[in-house]
């Protein structure tokens, strides 16, 4: 029982540390990708456009995907809608997995003999 409480406390501490770190690391990483992407537009060795898109997605998040999906151009709008669908699907799967884990934990707690 003690190892479970230690595990839960460690997991909660790691989650808190990761979420507070990612809050500042994500835009910083996004701006670095944008900077390298701008250099990549001029230098032939660096992929400029993919790094710019990645940087914008990291800096702006869902807002960027929604605006991109709303564009009427055939290629960019299609890619944006695809990326938005993928993001929504991943979010839905994450919520389902969270509910399954919560249900399983409550079942394990209710088992006799524990």
C-alpha atoms as a PDB file:
ATOM      1  CA  UNK A   1       0.000   0.000   0.000  1.00  0.00           C
ATOM      2  CA  UNK A   2       2.854   2.337   0.806  1.00  0.00           C
ATOM      3  CA  UNK A   3       4.436   1.845  -2.621  1.00  0.00           C
ATOM      4  CA  UNK A   4       1.162   2.861  -4.290  1.00  0.00           C
ATOM      5  CA  UNK A   5       1.004   6.103  -2.320  1.00  0.00           C
ATOM      6  CA  UNK A   6       4.643   6.818  -3.102  1.00  0.00           C
ATOM      7  CA  UNK A   7       4.009   6.079  -6.771  1.00  0.00           C
ATOM      8  CA  UNK A   8       0.953   8.349  -6.828  1.00  0.00           C
ATOM      9  CA  UNK A   9       2.802  11.169  -5.081  1.00  0.00           C
ATOM     10  CA  UNK A  10       5.740  10.839  -7.473  1.00  0.00           C
ATOM     11  CA  UNK A  11       3.428  10.750 -10.471  1.00  0.00           C
ATOM     12  CA  UNK A  12       1.535  13.847  -9.286  1.00  0.00           C
ATOM     13  CA  UNK A  13       4.814  15.705  -8.695  1.00  0.00           C
ATOM     14  CA  UNK A  14       6.111  14.763 -12.146  1.00  0.00           C
ATOM     15  CA  UNK A  15       2.826  15.801 -13.770  1.00  0.00           C
ATOM     16  CA  UNK A  16       2.921  19.186 -12.038  1.00  0.00           C
ATOM     17  CA  UNK A  17       6.556  19.734 -12.979  1.00  0.00           C
ATOM     18  CA  UNK A  18       5.966  18.718 -16.608  1.00  0.00           C
ATOM     19  CA  UNK A  19       2.867  20.878 -17.085  1.00  0.00           C
ATOM     20  CA  UNK A  20       4.527  23.956 -15.589  1.00  0.00           C
ATOM     21  CA  UNK A  21       7.693  23.372 -17.640  1.00  0.00           C
ATOM     22  CA  UNK A  22       5.832  22.666 -20.898  1.00  0.00           C
ATOM     23  CA  UNK A  23       3.853  25.870 -20.457  1.00  0.00           C
ATOM     24  CA  UNK A  24       7.031  27.889 -21.047  1.00  0.00           C
ATOM     25  CA  UNK A  25       9.015  25.396 -23.134  1.00  0.00           C
ATOM     26  CA  UNK A  26       6.361  25.033 -25.846  1.00  0.00           C
ATOM     27  CA  UNK A  27       6.356  28.661 -27.053  1.00  0.00           C
ATOM     28  CA  UNK A  28      10.132  28.859 -26.662  1.00  0.00           C
ATOM     29  CA  UNK A  29      10.586  25.757 -28.786  1.00  0.00           C
ATOM     30  CA  UNK A  30       8.082  27.208 -31.260  1.00  0.00           C
ATOM     31  CA  UNK A  31      10.039  30.437 -31.638  1.00  0.00           C
ATOM     32  CA  UNK A  32      13.278  28.495 -32.073  1.00  0.00           C
ATOM     33  CA  UNK A  33      11.632  26.460 -34.854  1.00  0.00           C
ATOM     34  CA  UNK A  34      10.391  29.664 -36.478  1.00  0.00           C
ATOM     35  CA  UNK A  35      13.874  31.166 -36.337  1.00  0.00           C
ATOM     36  CA  UNK A  36      15.511  28.085 -37.810  1.00  0.00           C
ATOM     37  CA  UNK A  37      12.716  27.880 -40.390  1.00  0.00           C
ATOM     38  CA  UNK A  38      13.387  31.448 -41.522  1.00  0.00           C
ATOM     39  CA  UNK A  39      17.065  30.532 -41.872  1.00  0.00           C
ATOM     40  CA  UNK A  40      15.998  27.415 -43.754  1.00  0.00           C
ATOM     41  CA  UNK A  41      14.218  29.512 -46.348  1.00  0.00           C
ATOM     42  CA  UNK A  42      17.580  30.990 -47.348  1.00  0.00           C
ATOM     43  CA  UNK A  43      19.875  28.020 -46.687  1.00  0.00           C
ATOM     44  CA  UNK A  44      19.438  24.885 -48.787  1.00  0.00           C
ATOM     45  CA  UNK A  45      20.391  22.443 -46.011  1.00  0.00           C
ATOM     46  CA  UNK A  46      17.596  23.320 -43.566  1.00  0.00           C
ATOM     47  CA  UNK A  47      13.938  22.492 -44.244  1.00  0.00           C
ATOM     48  CA  UNK A  48      12.379  25.945 -43.909  1.00  0.00           C
ATOM     49  CA  UNK A  49       8.655  25.458 -44.473  1.00  0.00           C
ATOM     50  CA  UNK A  50       8.117  22.400 -42.198  1.00  0.00           C
ATOM     51  CA  UNK A  51       9.962  24.126 -39.370  1.00  0.00           C
ATOM     52  CA  UNK A  52       7.898  27.284 -39.835  1.00  0.00           C
ATOM     53  CA  UNK A  53       4.660  25.281 -39.721  1.00  0.00           C
ATOM     54  CA  UNK A  54       5.823  23.353 -36.644  1.00  0.00           C
ATOM     55  CA  UNK A  55       6.889  26.567 -34.926  1.00  0.00           C
ATOM     56  CA  UNK A  56       3.562  28.266 -35.637  1.00  0.00           C
ATOM     57  CA  UNK A  57       1.659  25.227 -34.377  1.00  0.00           C
ATOM     58  CA  UNK A  58       3.702  25.207 -31.155  1.00  0.00           C
ATOM     59  CA  UNK A  59       3.297  28.928 -30.572  1.00  0.00           C
ATOM     60  CA  UNK A  60      -0.400  29.220 -31.422  1.00  0.00           C
ATOM     61  CA  UNK A  61      -1.738  25.710 -30.818  1.00  0.00           C
ATOM     62  CA  UNK A  62      -5.374  24.948 -31.701  1.00  0.00           C
ATOM     63  CA  UNK A  63      -6.105  28.475 -32.885  1.00  0.00           C
ATOM     64  CA  UNK A  64      -3.512  28.058 -35.619  1.00  0.00           C
ATOM     65  CA  UNK A  65      -5.020  24.743 -36.747  1.00  0.00           C
ATOM     66  CA  UNK A  66      -8.560  26.155 -36.843  1.00  0.00           C
ATOM     67  CA  UNK A  67      -7.507  29.155 -38.911  1.00  0.00           C
ATOM     68  CA  UNK A  68      -5.509  26.944 -41.221  1.00  0.00           C
ATOM     69  CA  UNK A  69      -8.437  24.553 -41.685  1.00  0.00           C
ATOM     70  CA  UNK A  70     -10.726  27.458 -42.623  1.00  0.00           C
ATOM     71  CA  UNK A  71      -8.561  28.543 -45.562  1.00  0.00           C
ATOM     72  CA  UNK A  72     -10.307  28.043 -48.912  1.00  0.00           C
ATOM     73  CA  UNK A  73      -7.111  27.108 -50.765  1.00  0.00           C
ATOM     74  CA  UNK A  74      -7.175  23.472 -51.872  1.00  0.00           C
ATOM     75  CA  UNK A  75      -3.861  22.222 -50.476  1.00  0.00           C
ATOM     76  CA  UNK A  76      -3.355  24.251 -47.298  1.00  0.00           C
ATOM     77  CA  UNK A  77      -7.004  24.078 -46.251  1.00  0.00           C
ATOM     78  CA  UNK A  78      -7.088  20.316 -46.805  1.00  0.00           C
ATOM     79  CA  UNK A  79      -3.914  19.785 -44.757  1.00  0.00           C
ATOM     80  CA  UNK A  80      -5.256  22.062 -42.036  1.00  0.00           C
ATOM     81  CA  UNK A  81      -8.567  20.184 -41.864  1.00  0.00           C
ATOM     82  CA  UNK A  82      -6.693  16.879 -41.726  1.00  0.00           C
ATOM     83  CA  UNK A  83      -4.468  18.149 -38.890  1.00  0.00           C
ATOM     84  CA  UNK A  84      -7.497  19.435 -37.005  1.00  0.00           C
ATOM     85  CA  UNK A  85      -9.307  16.081 -37.379  1.00  0.00           C
ATOM     86  CA  UNK A  86      -6.218  14.224 -36.148  1.00  0.00           C
ATOM     87  CA  UNK A  87      -5.907  16.549 -33.149  1.00  0.00           C
ATOM     88  CA  UNK A  88      -9.601  16.095 -32.305  1.00  0.00           C
ATOM     89  CA  UNK A  89      -9.333  12.322 -32.645  1.00  0.00           C
ATOM     90  CA  UNK A  90      -6.311  12.208 -30.339  1.00  0.00           C
ATOM     91  CA  UNK A  91      -8.107  14.422 -27.817  1.00  0.00           C
ATOM     92  CA  UNK A  92     -11.169  12.135 -27.899  1.00  0.00           C
ATOM     93  CA  UNK A  93      -9.021   9.023 -27.424  1.00  0.00           C
ATOM     94  CA  UNK A  94      -7.220  10.668 -24.518  1.00  0.00           C
ATOM     95  CA  UNK A  95     -10.527  11.460 -22.787  1.00  0.00           C
ATOM     96  CA  UNK A  96     -11.775   7.897 -23.325  1.00  0.00           C
ATOM     97  CA  UNK A  97      -8.560   6.446 -21.935  1.00  0.00           C
ATOM     98  CA  UNK A  98      -8.776   8.723 -18.890  1.00  0.00           C
ATOM     99  CA  UNK A  99     -12.334   7.580 -18.173  1.00  0.00           C
ATOM    100  CA  UNK A 100     -11.376   3.918 -18.595  1.00  0.00           C
ATOM    101  CA  UNK A 101      -8.470   4.290 -16.185  1.00  0.00           C
ATOM    102  CA  UNK A 102     -10.675   6.040 -13.617  1.00  0.00           C
ATOM    103  CA  UNK A 103     -13.296   3.307 -13.925  1.00  0.00           C
ATOM    104  CA  UNK A 104     -10.653   0.595 -13.524  1.00  0.00           C
ATOM    105  CA  UNK A 105      -9.179   2.291 -10.442  1.00  0.00           C
ATOM    106  CA  UNK A 106     -12.580   2.534  -8.778  1.00  0.00           C
ATOM    107  CA  UNK A 107     -13.218  -1.150  -9.522  1.00  0.00           C
ATOM    108  CA  UNK A 108      -9.885  -2.129  -7.999  1.00  0.00           C
ATOM    109  CA  UNK A 109     -10.602  -0.081  -4.882  1.00  0.00           C
ATOM    110  CA  UNK A 110     -13.979  -1.794  -4.443  1.00  0.00           C
ATOM    111  CA  UNK A 111     -12.582  -5.321  -4.674  1.00  0.00           C
ATOM    112  CA  UNK A 112     -12.764  -7.163  -1.357  1.00  0.00           C
ATOM    113  CA  UNK A 113      -9.499  -8.139   0.258  1.00  0.00           C
ATOM    114  CA  UNK A 114      -7.540  -5.071  -0.737  1.00  0.00           C
END
